[in-house]
Amino acid sequence: QVQLVESGGGLVQPGGSLRLSCTASGSIASIFALGWYRQAPGKQRELVARITGDGSTYYGDFVKGRFTISRDSTKITVDLQMTSLKPADTAVYYCNAEPRDGAYYQGYWGQGSEITVSS
């Protein structure tokens, strides 16, 4: 079992910045990658960013260089640094632990962090 606890999120003005953090505990060795997915009202959940154990990173097409994902040296905490935020970024953001023996949606999820980008 893996537990994920998120922090950060909230209301931010368009063009502003925000950082989300997620800390994992439990069966850390079973994790292949950590990532962030988001879901806006009426839309499907989509990839924001993910990082594998060897440091490879992957980003959603909408990011366009605005977001950066990173892990600490212990590989139990993942941060998402977001800049130049747009109203279209408004969504609930979920931390995800992708298992070594399955796809990301077969893994574990954080509690969700609401981000609202509005003036």
N, C-alpha and C. Protein backbone atom coordinates (compact mmCIF):
# COMPACT_ATOMS: atom_id res chain seq x y z
N GLN A 1 0.83 -1.19 0.00
CA GLN A 1 0.00 0.00 0.00
C GLN A 1 0.87 1.24 0.00
N VAL A 2 0.41 2.27 -0.71
CA VAL A 2 1.09 3.55 -0.79
C VAL A 2 0.10 4.64 -0.39
N GLN A 3 0.56 5.55 0.45
CA GLN A 3 -0.24 6.70 0.83
C GLN A 3 0.40 7.96 0.27
N LEU A 4 -0.43 8.86 -0.27
CA LEU A 4 0.04 10.10 -0.87
C LEU A 4 -0.67 11.27 -0.21
N VAL A 5 0.10 12.23 0.27
CA VAL A 5 -0.43 13.42 0.91
C VAL A 5 0.02 14.64 0.14
N GLU A 6 -0.95 15.44 -0.32
CA GLU A 6 -0.67 16.62 -1.11
C GLU A 6 -0.74 17.88 -0.26
N SER A 7 -0.02 18.90 -0.71
CA SER A 7 -0.12 20.22 -0.11
C SER A 7 0.02 21.28 -1.21
N GLY A 8 -0.49 22.47 -0.93
CA GLY A 8 -0.49 23.53 -1.91
C GLY A 8 -1.88 23.70 -2.49
N GLY A 9 -1.94 24.42 -3.59
CA GLY A 9 -3.21 24.68 -4.22
C GLY A 9 -3.88 25.93 -3.67
N GLY A 10 -4.97 26.34 -4.33
CA GLY A 10 -5.71 27.50 -3.90
C GLY A 10 -6.07 28.41 -5.06
N LEU A 11 -6.34 29.66 -4.74
CA LEU A 11 -6.73 30.66 -5.74
C LEU A 11 -5.52 31.47 -6.16
N VAL A 12 -5.35 31.67 -7.46
CA VAL A 12 -4.22 32.43 -7.99
C VAL A 12 -4.68 33.26 -9.19
N GLN A 13 -4.08 34.43 -9.37
CA GLN A 13 -4.40 35.29 -10.50
C GLN A 13 -3.81 34.75 -11.79
N PRO A 14 -4.45 35.01 -12.94
CA PRO A 14 -3.85 34.64 -14.22
C PRO A 14 -2.43 35.20 -14.35
N GLY A 15 -1.52 34.37 -14.85
CA GLY A 15 -0.12 34.76 -14.96
C GLY A 15 0.69 34.48 -13.72
N GLY A 16 0.05 34.06 -12.64
CA GLY A 16 0.73 33.80 -11.40
C GLY A 16 1.39 32.43 -11.35
N SER A 17 1.99 32.14 -10.20
CA SER A 17 2.71 30.88 -9.99
C SER A 17 2.20 30.17 -8.75
N LEU A 18 2.40 28.86 -8.74
CA LEU A 18 1.97 28.04 -7.62
C LEU A 18 2.81 26.77 -7.62
N ARG A 19 3.03 26.20 -6.44
CA ARG A 19 3.76 24.95 -6.34
C ARG A 19 2.97 23.94 -5.52
N LEU A 20 2.82 22.75 -6.08
CA LEU A 20 2.20 21.63 -5.39
C LEU A 20 3.27 20.65 -4.93
N SER A 21 3.03 20.01 -3.80
CA SER A 21 3.96 19.02 -3.28
C SER A 21 3.19 17.77 -2.88
N CYS A 22 3.82 16.62 -3.07
CA CYS A 22 3.21 15.34 -2.73
C CYS A 22 4.26 14.44 -2.09
N THR A 23 3.93 13.90 -0.92
CA THR A 23 4.84 13.02 -0.20
C THR A 23 4.24 11.62 -0.12
N ALA A 24 5.02 10.63 -0.50
CA ALA A 24 4.59 9.24 -0.49
C ALA A 24 5.12 8.51 0.74
N SER A 25 4.34 7.55 1.20
CA SER A 25 4.77 6.68 2.28
C SER A 25 4.20 5.28 2.05
N GLY A 26 4.75 4.30 2.75
CA GLY A 26 4.31 2.93 2.59
C GLY A 26 5.28 2.12 1.75
N SER A 27 4.77 1.40 0.76
CA SER A 27 5.59 0.52 -0.09
C SER A 27 6.25 1.32 -1.21
N ILE A 28 7.23 2.12 -0.84
CA ILE A 28 7.90 3.00 -1.80
C ILE A 28 8.56 2.22 -2.93
N ALA A 29 9.11 1.05 -2.63
CA ALA A 29 9.82 0.26 -3.64
C ALA A 29 8.91 -0.22 -4.75
N SER A 30 7.60 -0.23 -4.53
CA SER A 30 6.66 -0.68 -5.55
C SER A 30 6.31 0.40 -6.57
N ILE A 31 6.79 1.63 -6.37
CA ILE A 31 6.46 2.75 -7.24
C ILE A 31 7.42 2.83 -8.41
N PHE A 32 6.87 2.89 -9.62
CA PHE A 32 7.67 3.08 -10.83
C PHE A 32 7.84 4.56 -11.17
N ALA A 33 6.79 5.34 -10.94
CA ALA A 33 6.83 6.76 -11.25
C ALA A 33 5.86 7.51 -10.35
N LEU A 34 6.14 8.78 -10.16
CA LEU A 34 5.22 9.69 -9.49
C LEU A 34 4.79 10.77 -10.48
N GLY A 35 3.54 11.20 -10.38
CA GLY A 35 3.07 12.19 -11.33
C GLY A 35 1.88 12.97 -10.82
N TRP A 36 1.48 13.93 -11.63
CA TRP A 36 0.31 14.76 -11.36
C TRP A 36 -0.66 14.65 -12.53
N TYR A 37 -1.93 14.45 -12.22
CA TYR A 37 -3.01 14.45 -13.18
C TYR A 37 -4.05 15.45 -12.72
N ARG A 38 -4.79 16.02 -13.66
CA ARG A 38 -5.80 17.00 -13.29
C ARG A 38 -7.14 16.68 -13.96
N GLN A 39 -8.21 17.14 -13.32
CA GLN A 39 -9.55 16.95 -13.85
C GLN A 39 -10.37 18.21 -13.63
N ALA A 40 -10.82 18.81 -14.72
CA ALA A 40 -11.68 19.98 -14.68
C ALA A 40 -13.13 19.53 -14.76
N PRO A 41 -14.07 20.37 -14.30
CA PRO A 41 -15.49 20.00 -14.36
C PRO A 41 -15.93 19.64 -15.78
N GLY A 42 -16.58 18.50 -15.92
CA GLY A 42 -17.08 18.06 -17.21
C GLY A 42 -16.04 17.52 -18.16
N LYS A 43 -14.80 17.37 -17.72
CA LYS A 43 -13.73 16.88 -18.57
C LYS A 43 -13.08 15.63 -17.96
N GLN A 44 -12.37 14.89 -18.80
CA GLN A 44 -11.69 13.69 -18.34
C GLN A 44 -10.38 14.04 -17.65
N ARG A 45 -9.94 13.15 -16.78
CA ARG A 45 -8.66 13.34 -16.11
C ARG A 45 -7.53 13.22 -17.14
N GLU A 46 -6.54 14.12 -17.04
CA GLU A 46 -5.46 14.15 -18.01
C GLU A 46 -4.11 14.31 -17.32
N LEU A 47 -3.07 13.85 -18.02
CA LEU A 47 -1.71 13.95 -17.50
C LEU A 47 -1.24 15.39 -17.47
N VAL A 48 -0.67 15.81 -16.35
CA VAL A 48 0.03 17.07 -16.25
C VAL A 48 1.53 16.84 -16.41
N ALA A 49 2.09 15.98 -15.57
CA ALA A 49 3.51 15.64 -15.62
C ALA A 49 3.76 14.38 -14.82
N ARG A 50 4.81 13.62 -15.19
CA ARG A 50 5.22 12.46 -14.43
C ARG A 50 6.73 12.32 -14.51
N ILE A 51 7.30 11.67 -13.50
CA ILE A 51 8.74 11.44 -13.46
C ILE A 51 9.00 10.03 -12.99
N THR A 52 9.86 9.31 -13.70
CA THR A 52 10.19 7.93 -13.39
C THR A 52 11.36 7.86 -12.43
N GLY A 53 11.64 6.64 -11.94
CA GLY A 53 12.72 6.45 -10.99
C GLY A 53 14.09 6.82 -11.52
N ASP A 54 14.31 6.72 -12.84
CA ASP A 54 15.60 7.08 -13.43
C ASP A 54 15.67 8.55 -13.82
N GLY A 55 14.62 9.33 -13.49
CA GLY A 55 14.64 10.76 -13.72
C GLY A 55 14.03 11.23 -15.02
N SER A 56 13.51 10.33 -15.84
CA SER A 56 12.86 10.73 -17.08
C SER A 56 11.55 11.45 -16.79
N THR A 57 11.29 12.54 -17.50
CA THR A 57 10.09 13.33 -17.28
C THR A 57 9.22 13.36 -18.52
N TYR A 58 7.92 13.48 -18.28
CA TYR A 58 6.93 13.53 -19.35
C TYR A 58 5.89 14.58 -18.97
N TYR A 59 5.45 15.36 -19.97
CA TYR A 59 4.52 16.46 -19.72
C TYR A 59 3.34 16.40 -20.67
N GLY A 60 2.20 16.89 -20.20
CA GLY A 60 1.06 17.06 -21.08
C GLY A 60 1.32 18.14 -22.11
N ASP A 61 0.65 18.02 -23.26
CA ASP A 61 0.89 18.95 -24.36
C ASP A 61 0.55 20.40 -24.01
N PHE A 62 -0.38 20.60 -23.10
CA PHE A 62 -0.81 21.95 -22.75
C PHE A 62 0.19 22.71 -21.91
N VAL A 63 1.20 22.02 -21.37
CA VAL A 63 2.14 22.66 -20.45
C VAL A 63 3.00 23.71 -21.15
N LYS A 64 3.55 23.37 -22.31
CA LYS A 64 4.36 24.29 -23.13
C LYS A 64 5.47 24.97 -22.33
N GLY A 65 6.20 24.20 -21.51
CA GLY A 65 7.32 24.72 -20.78
C GLY A 65 6.98 25.50 -19.52
N ARG A 66 5.72 25.61 -19.17
CA ARG A 66 5.33 26.41 -18.01
C ARG A 66 5.50 25.67 -16.69
N PHE A 67 5.41 24.35 -16.72
CA PHE A 67 5.45 23.55 -15.49
C PHE A 67 6.72 22.71 -15.44
N THR A 68 7.19 22.44 -14.22
CA THR A 68 8.36 21.61 -14.02
C THR A 68 8.08 20.63 -12.88
N ILE A 69 8.35 19.34 -13.12
CA ILE A 69 8.19 18.33 -12.10
C ILE A 69 9.57 17.89 -11.62
N SER A 70 9.69 17.61 -10.32
CA SER A 70 10.96 17.19 -9.76
C SER A 70 10.73 16.28 -8.56
N ARG A 71 11.74 15.47 -8.22
CA ARG A 71 11.70 14.60 -7.05
C ARG A 71 12.92 14.87 -6.19
N ASP A 72 12.79 14.63 -4.89
CA ASP A 72 13.92 14.82 -4.01
C ASP A 72 14.83 13.59 -4.05
N SER A 73 15.95 13.65 -3.32
CA SER A 73 16.95 12.58 -3.38
C SER A 73 16.45 11.26 -2.83
N THR A 74 15.47 11.30 -1.94
CA THR A 74 14.92 10.07 -1.38
C THR A 74 13.83 9.47 -2.26
N LYS A 75 13.39 10.20 -3.27
CA LYS A 75 12.36 9.77 -4.22
C LYS A 75 11.02 9.51 -3.57
N ILE A 76 10.74 10.20 -2.46
CA ILE A 76 9.44 10.05 -1.82
C ILE A 76 8.60 11.32 -1.90
N THR A 77 9.17 12.41 -2.36
CA THR A 77 8.45 13.66 -2.51
C THR A 77 8.57 14.17 -3.94
N VAL A 78 7.46 14.58 -4.52
CA VAL A 78 7.45 15.12 -5.87
C VAL A 78 6.80 16.50 -5.83
N ASP A 79 7.43 17.46 -6.50
CA ASP A 79 6.93 18.83 -6.57
C ASP A 79 6.52 19.16 -7.99
N LEU A 80 5.52 20.01 -8.12
CA LEU A 80 5.11 20.54 -9.41
C LEU A 80 5.14 22.05 -9.32
N GLN A 81 6.12 22.67 -10.00
CA GLN A 81 6.24 24.12 -10.05
C GLN A 81 5.49 24.62 -11.27
N MET A 82 4.49 25.46 -11.05
CA MET A 82 3.64 25.95 -12.12
C MET A 82 3.80 27.46 -12.24
N THR A 83 4.03 27.94 -13.45
CA THR A 83 4.15 29.36 -13.73
C THR A 83 3.23 29.72 -14.88
N SER A 84 3.01 31.02 -15.06
CA SER A 84 2.18 31.54 -16.15
C SER A 84 0.83 30.83 -16.20
N LEU A 85 0.20 30.72 -15.06
CA LEU A 85 -1.06 29.99 -14.97
C LEU A 85 -2.18 30.71 -15.72
N LYS A 86 -3.05 29.92 -16.32
CA LYS A 86 -4.16 30.42 -17.12
C LYS A 86 -5.48 29.94 -16.53
N PRO A 87 -6.59 30.63 -16.82
CA PRO A 87 -7.89 30.14 -16.36
C PRO A 87 -8.17 28.69 -16.78
N ALA A 88 -7.66 28.28 -17.94
CA ALA A 88 -7.85 26.90 -18.40
C ALA A 88 -7.15 25.88 -17.53
N ASP A 89 -6.23 26.32 -16.66
CA ASP A 89 -5.56 25.41 -15.73
C ASP A 89 -6.42 25.10 -14.51
N THR A 90 -7.54 25.76 -14.35
CA THR A 90 -8.42 25.52 -13.22
C THR A 90 -8.90 24.07 -13.23
N ALA A 91 -8.64 23.36 -12.14
CA ALA A 91 -8.98 21.94 -12.04
C ALA A 91 -8.63 21.43 -10.66
N VAL A 92 -9.00 20.19 -10.39
CA VAL A 92 -8.50 19.49 -9.23
C VAL A 92 -7.28 18.69 -9.66
N TYR A 93 -6.18 18.87 -8.97
CA TYR A 93 -4.92 18.21 -9.30
C TYR A 93 -4.67 17.07 -8.33
N TYR A 94 -4.38 15.88 -8.88
CA TYR A 94 -4.19 14.68 -8.08
C TYR A 94 -2.78 14.14 -8.23
N CYS A 95 -2.12 13.87 -7.12
CA CYS A 95 -0.84 13.17 -7.14
C CYS A 95 -1.10 11.69 -7.39
N ASN A 96 -0.23 11.06 -8.17
CA ASN A 96 -0.40 9.66 -8.54
C ASN A 96 0.91 8.89 -8.37
N ALA A 97 0.81 7.69 -7.80
CA ALA A 97 1.93 6.76 -7.72
C ALA A 97 1.66 5.62 -8.69
N GLU A 98 2.46 5.56 -9.76
CA GLU A 98 2.31 4.54 -10.78
C GLU A 98 3.05 3.28 -10.34
N PRO A 99 2.37 2.13 -10.29
CA PRO A 99 3.01 0.91 -9.81
C PRO A 99 3.92 0.28 -10.85
N ARG A 100 4.86 -0.54 -10.37
CA ARG A 100 5.77 -1.24 -11.27
C ARG A 100 5.06 -2.33 -12.07
N ASP A 101 3.93 -2.83 -11.55
CA ASP A 101 3.24 -3.94 -12.18
C ASP A 101 1.92 -3.55 -12.83
N GLY A 102 1.74 -2.26 -13.16
CA GLY A 102 0.51 -1.84 -13.78
C GLY A 102 0.58 -0.41 -14.31
N ALA A 103 -0.54 0.05 -14.87
CA ALA A 103 -0.64 1.41 -15.38
C ALA A 103 -0.92 2.39 -14.24
N TYR A 104 -0.80 3.68 -14.55
CA TYR A 104 -0.95 4.69 -13.52
C TYR A 104 -2.32 4.64 -12.85
N TYR A 105 -3.37 4.34 -13.64
CA TYR A 105 -4.71 4.33 -13.09
C TYR A 105 -4.96 3.11 -12.20
N GLN A 106 -4.03 2.17 -12.18
CA GLN A 106 -4.09 1.02 -11.29
C GLN A 106 -3.26 1.26 -10.03
N GLY A 107 -2.76 2.46 -9.86
CA GLY A 107 -1.94 2.81 -8.72
C GLY A 107 -2.70 3.53 -7.64
N TYR A 108 -2.03 4.50 -7.02
CA TYR A 108 -2.57 5.19 -5.86
C TYR A 108 -2.70 6.68 -6.13
N TRP A 109 -3.63 7.32 -5.42
CA TRP A 109 -3.94 8.73 -5.64
C TRP A 109 -3.91 9.52 -4.34
N GLY A 110 -3.49 10.77 -4.45
CA GLY A 110 -3.61 11.71 -3.35
C GLY A 110 -5.04 12.19 -3.21
N GLN A 111 -5.26 13.05 -2.22
CA GLN A 111 -6.62 13.49 -1.90
C GLN A 111 -7.18 14.51 -2.87
N GLY A 112 -6.34 15.11 -3.70
CA GLY A 112 -6.76 16.13 -4.64
C GLY A 112 -6.55 17.53 -4.10
N SER A 113 -6.07 18.43 -4.95
CA SER A 113 -5.83 19.83 -4.60
C SER A 113 -6.54 20.72 -5.61
N GLU A 114 -7.45 21.55 -5.14
CA GLU A 114 -8.17 22.45 -6.03
C GLU A 114 -7.32 23.67 -6.35
N ILE A 115 -7.18 23.94 -7.65
CA ILE A 115 -6.50 25.15 -8.13
C ILE A 115 -7.49 25.94 -8.97
N THR A 116 -7.69 27.19 -8.60
CA THR A 116 -8.56 28.08 -9.34
C THR A 116 -7.74 29.26 -9.83
N VAL A 117 -7.73 29.48 -11.15
CA VAL A 117 -7.01 30.59 -11.75
C VAL A 117 -8.05 31.58 -12.25
N SER A 118 -8.16 32.70 -11.57
CA SER A 118 -9.21 33.67 -11.88
C SER A 118 -8.85 35.04 -11.33
N SER A 119 -9.33 36.08 -12.01
CA SER A 119 -9.17 37.44 -11.53
C SER A 119 -10.37 37.89 -10.72
